[in-house]
Protein backbone atom coordinates (compact mmCIF):
# COMPACT_ATOMS: atom_id res chain seq x y z
CA MET A 1 27.62 3.60 11.76
CA GLN A 2 30.43 5.82 13.18
CA HIS A 3 32.69 2.98 13.62
CA LEU A 4 32.31 1.55 10.07
CA LYS A 5 32.90 4.99 8.54
CA LYS A 6 36.25 5.56 10.23
CA ASP A 7 37.49 1.82 10.08
CA GLN A 8 40.34 1.64 7.68
CA ARG A 9 39.98 -2.24 7.26
CA LEU A 10 37.23 -1.80 4.56
CA ARG A 11 37.72 0.08 1.42
CA PRO A 12 35.59 3.20 1.29
CA GLU A 13 33.51 1.69 -1.48
CA ARG A 14 32.81 -1.36 0.30
CA ARG A 15 32.22 0.60 3.58
CA ALA A 16 29.67 2.73 1.69
CA ASP A 17 28.05 -0.48 0.18
CA LEU A 18 27.72 -2.17 3.64
CA ILE A 19 26.27 0.79 5.34
CA GLN A 20 23.87 1.28 2.26
CA ALA A 21 22.74 -2.51 2.60
CA LEU A 22 22.14 -2.32 6.32
CA LEU A 23 20.21 0.85 5.91
CA GLN A 24 18.11 -0.36 3.24
CA ASP A 25 17.33 -3.68 5.11
CA ASP A 26 19.12 -5.64 2.51
CA PHE A 27 20.73 -7.90 4.78
CA ASP A 28 21.62 -10.65 2.18
CA ARG A 29 23.67 -8.09 0.37
CA ALA A 30 25.31 -7.06 3.67
CA GLN A 31 26.24 -10.81 4.44
CA ARG A 32 27.72 -11.16 0.86
CA LEU A 33 29.71 -7.99 1.25
CA LEU A 34 31.21 -9.27 4.51
CA SER A 35 31.60 -12.72 3.20
CA ASP A 36 33.54 -11.54 0.15
CA ASP A 37 36.13 -10.33 2.38
CA LYS A 38 39.44 -12.07 2.91
CA LYS A 39 38.87 -12.79 6.75
CA PRO A 40 34.98 -12.65 6.72
CA ALA A 41 34.72 -14.06 10.28
CA ALA A 42 37.01 -11.36 11.75
CA MET A 43 35.47 -8.51 9.73
CA PHE A 44 31.85 -9.68 10.60
CA ARG A 45 32.85 -9.70 14.47
CA PHE A 46 34.33 -6.29 13.97
CA VAL A 47 31.14 -4.79 12.12
CA LEU A 48 29.03 -6.33 15.00
CA SER A 49 31.18 -4.98 17.52
CA THR A 50 30.93 -1.55 16.18
CA LEU A 51 27.18 -1.86 16.22
CA THR A 52 27.43 -3.08 19.98
CA PHE A 53 26.15 -6.53 19.19
CA LEU A 54 27.29 -9.54 21.02
CA PRO A 55 26.73 -12.70 18.72
CA SER A 56 28.21 -13.42 15.34
CA PRO A 57 25.30 -14.15 12.98
CA SER A 58 26.06 -16.61 10.24
CA SER A 59 23.13 -15.78 7.84
CA ALA A 60 21.32 -12.65 6.37
CA ALA A 61 18.31 -13.60 8.53
CA SER A 62 20.30 -13.90 11.55
CA LEU A 63 22.00 -10.53 10.80
CA LYS A 64 18.33 -9.15 10.09
CA ARG A 65 17.25 -10.34 13.63
CA GLU A 66 20.28 -8.65 15.30
CA MET A 67 19.76 -5.28 13.18
CA LYS A 68 16.30 -5.13 14.23
CA GLY A 69 17.07 -5.79 17.76
CA PHE A 70 19.75 -3.19 17.64
CA ALA A 71 17.43 -0.77 15.78
CA ALA A 72 14.73 -1.28 18.80
CA GLN A 73 17.39 -0.30 21.17
CA LEU A 74 18.41 2.90 19.52
CA PRO A 75 16.11 5.93 19.73
CA ASP A 76 15.26 7.41 16.23
CA SER A 77 16.49 10.77 17.01
CA ARG A 78 19.91 9.33 18.02
CA PHE A 79 20.12 7.40 14.86
CA LEU A 80 19.17 10.53 12.64
CA SER A 81 21.77 12.54 14.54
CA GLN A 82 24.37 10.17 14.15
CA LEU A 83 23.51 9.85 10.41
CA LYS A 84 23.72 13.64 9.93
CA SER A 85 27.26 13.61 11.39
CA ILE A 86 28.49 11.07 8.67
CA ASP A 87 30.50 13.27 6.24
CA ASP A 88 31.13 10.56 3.63
CA LYS A 89 30.16 12.04 0.12
CA GLU A 90 29.21 8.32 -1.05
CA LEU A 91 26.69 8.08 1.63
CA LEU A 92 25.22 11.53 1.40
CA SER A 93 22.61 10.72 -0.79
CA ILE A 94 21.14 7.79 1.24
CA VAL A 95 21.68 9.73 4.33
CA GLN A 96 19.35 12.43 2.60
CA ARG A 97 16.73 9.82 1.66
CA ILE A 98 16.79 8.32 4.96
CA GLU A 99 16.01 11.75 6.49
CA ILE A 100 13.21 12.50 4.14
CA ILE A 101 11.44 9.03 4.81
CA ALA A 102 12.25 9.35 8.43
CA HIS A 103 10.75 13.12 8.30
CA SER A 104 7.57 11.75 6.33
CA GLN A 105 6.94 8.90 8.50
CA LEU A 106 7.14 11.12 11.74
CA SER A 107 4.79 13.60 10.01
CA SER A 108 2.29 11.06 9.22
CA LEU A 109 2.68 9.64 12.96
CA ILE A 110 2.24 13.18 14.26
CA ASN A 111 -0.59 13.82 12.15
CA GLU A 112 -2.40 10.41 13.25
CA THR A 113 -1.70 11.32 16.88
CA VAL A 114 -2.89 14.85 16.53
CA GLU A 115 -6.31 13.47 14.75
CA SER A 116 -6.67 10.79 17.49
CA MET A 117 -6.40 13.20 20.33
CA THR A 118 -8.72 15.59 18.66
CA HIS A 119 -11.36 12.77 18.32
CA GLU A 120 -10.61 11.77 22.02
CA MET A 121 -10.69 15.38 22.97
CA ALA A 122 -14.12 15.99 21.21
CA ALA A 123 -15.27 12.86 22.91
CA MET A 124 -14.46 13.87 26.26
CA GLN A 125 -16.09 17.35 25.57
CA LYS A 126 -19.07 15.78 24.39
CA GLY A 127 -19.18 13.56 27.60
CA HIS A 128 -18.50 16.59 29.73
CA PHE A 129 -21.29 18.79 28.11
CA ARG A 130 -23.58 15.68 28.35
CA SER A 131 -22.85 15.34 31.98
CA ALA A 132 -23.34 18.92 32.79
CA ILE A 133 -26.70 19.03 30.99
CA GLN A 134 -27.68 16.10 32.99
CA ASP A 135 -26.65 17.67 36.00
CA GLU A 136 -28.57 20.78 35.26
CA LEU A 137 -31.72 18.87 34.40
CA ARG A 138 -31.48 16.82 37.83
CA ILE A 139 -30.93 20.06 39.68
CA GLU A 140 -33.75 21.59 37.72
CA GLU A 141 -35.93 18.63 38.47
CA MET A 142 -35.10 18.73 42.27
CA LYS A 143 -36.13 22.27 42.48
CA LEU A 144 -39.39 21.64 40.77
CA GLN A 145 -39.95 18.70 43.41
CA ASN A 146 -38.91 20.90 46.19
CA GLU A 147 -41.47 23.55 45.04
CA ALA A 148 -43.95 21.13 44.58
CA ARG A 149 -43.49 19.81 48.33
CA VAL A 150 -43.50 23.39 49.66
CA GLU A 151 -46.75 24.03 47.85
CA LEU A 152 -48.23 20.55 48.97
CA ILE A 153 -47.21 21.37 52.63
CA ARG A 154 -48.74 24.81 52.21
CA GLU A 155 -51.88 23.53 51.02
CA LEU A 156 -52.11 20.89 53.96
CA ASN A 157 -51.12 23.56 56.57
CA ALA A 158 -54.16 25.58 55.06
CA GLN A 159 -56.38 22.77 55.23
CA SER A 160 -55.58 21.88 58.60
CA ALA A 161 -55.93 25.68 59.70
CA ARG A 162 -59.58 25.66 58.17
CA ARG A 163 -60.33 22.34 60.16
CA HIS A 164 -59.33 23.99 63.23
CA ASP A 165 -61.20 27.12 62.54
CA SER A 166 -64.45 25.46 61.64
């Protein structure tokens, strides 16, 4: 984006239209804008080289695939910080819309993640408490069994002592 902004081979209006088309996923329009130029192949290669693409797509579908590949490699935070550094007045409104969309998407993702983690944490705590209660019950049962054994042994010893006394 930075390279497109600074390139003098594109008129500012066309450059703004091209960036806007790419940011709005309107690859057909981006392809038309590039094809309208006197030297479309050279300009297209330039645009792709500024975006660090290697192949030179010949259709909007191909351009879309390349842009998606590029977007997958570029972290959102880096993309947003690069967008913020663009001081082109014609692109200001679209950059602001992109920031709003990104913030709302990030906000919903954060909410979903927190909600999911809350449910997982509650399930883990429930499992831990259930396990702790089962352990306590097992320990209590073992104590009762031990007391019963001790009582049985005392009774057997008492009976054995009475037999010896008689």
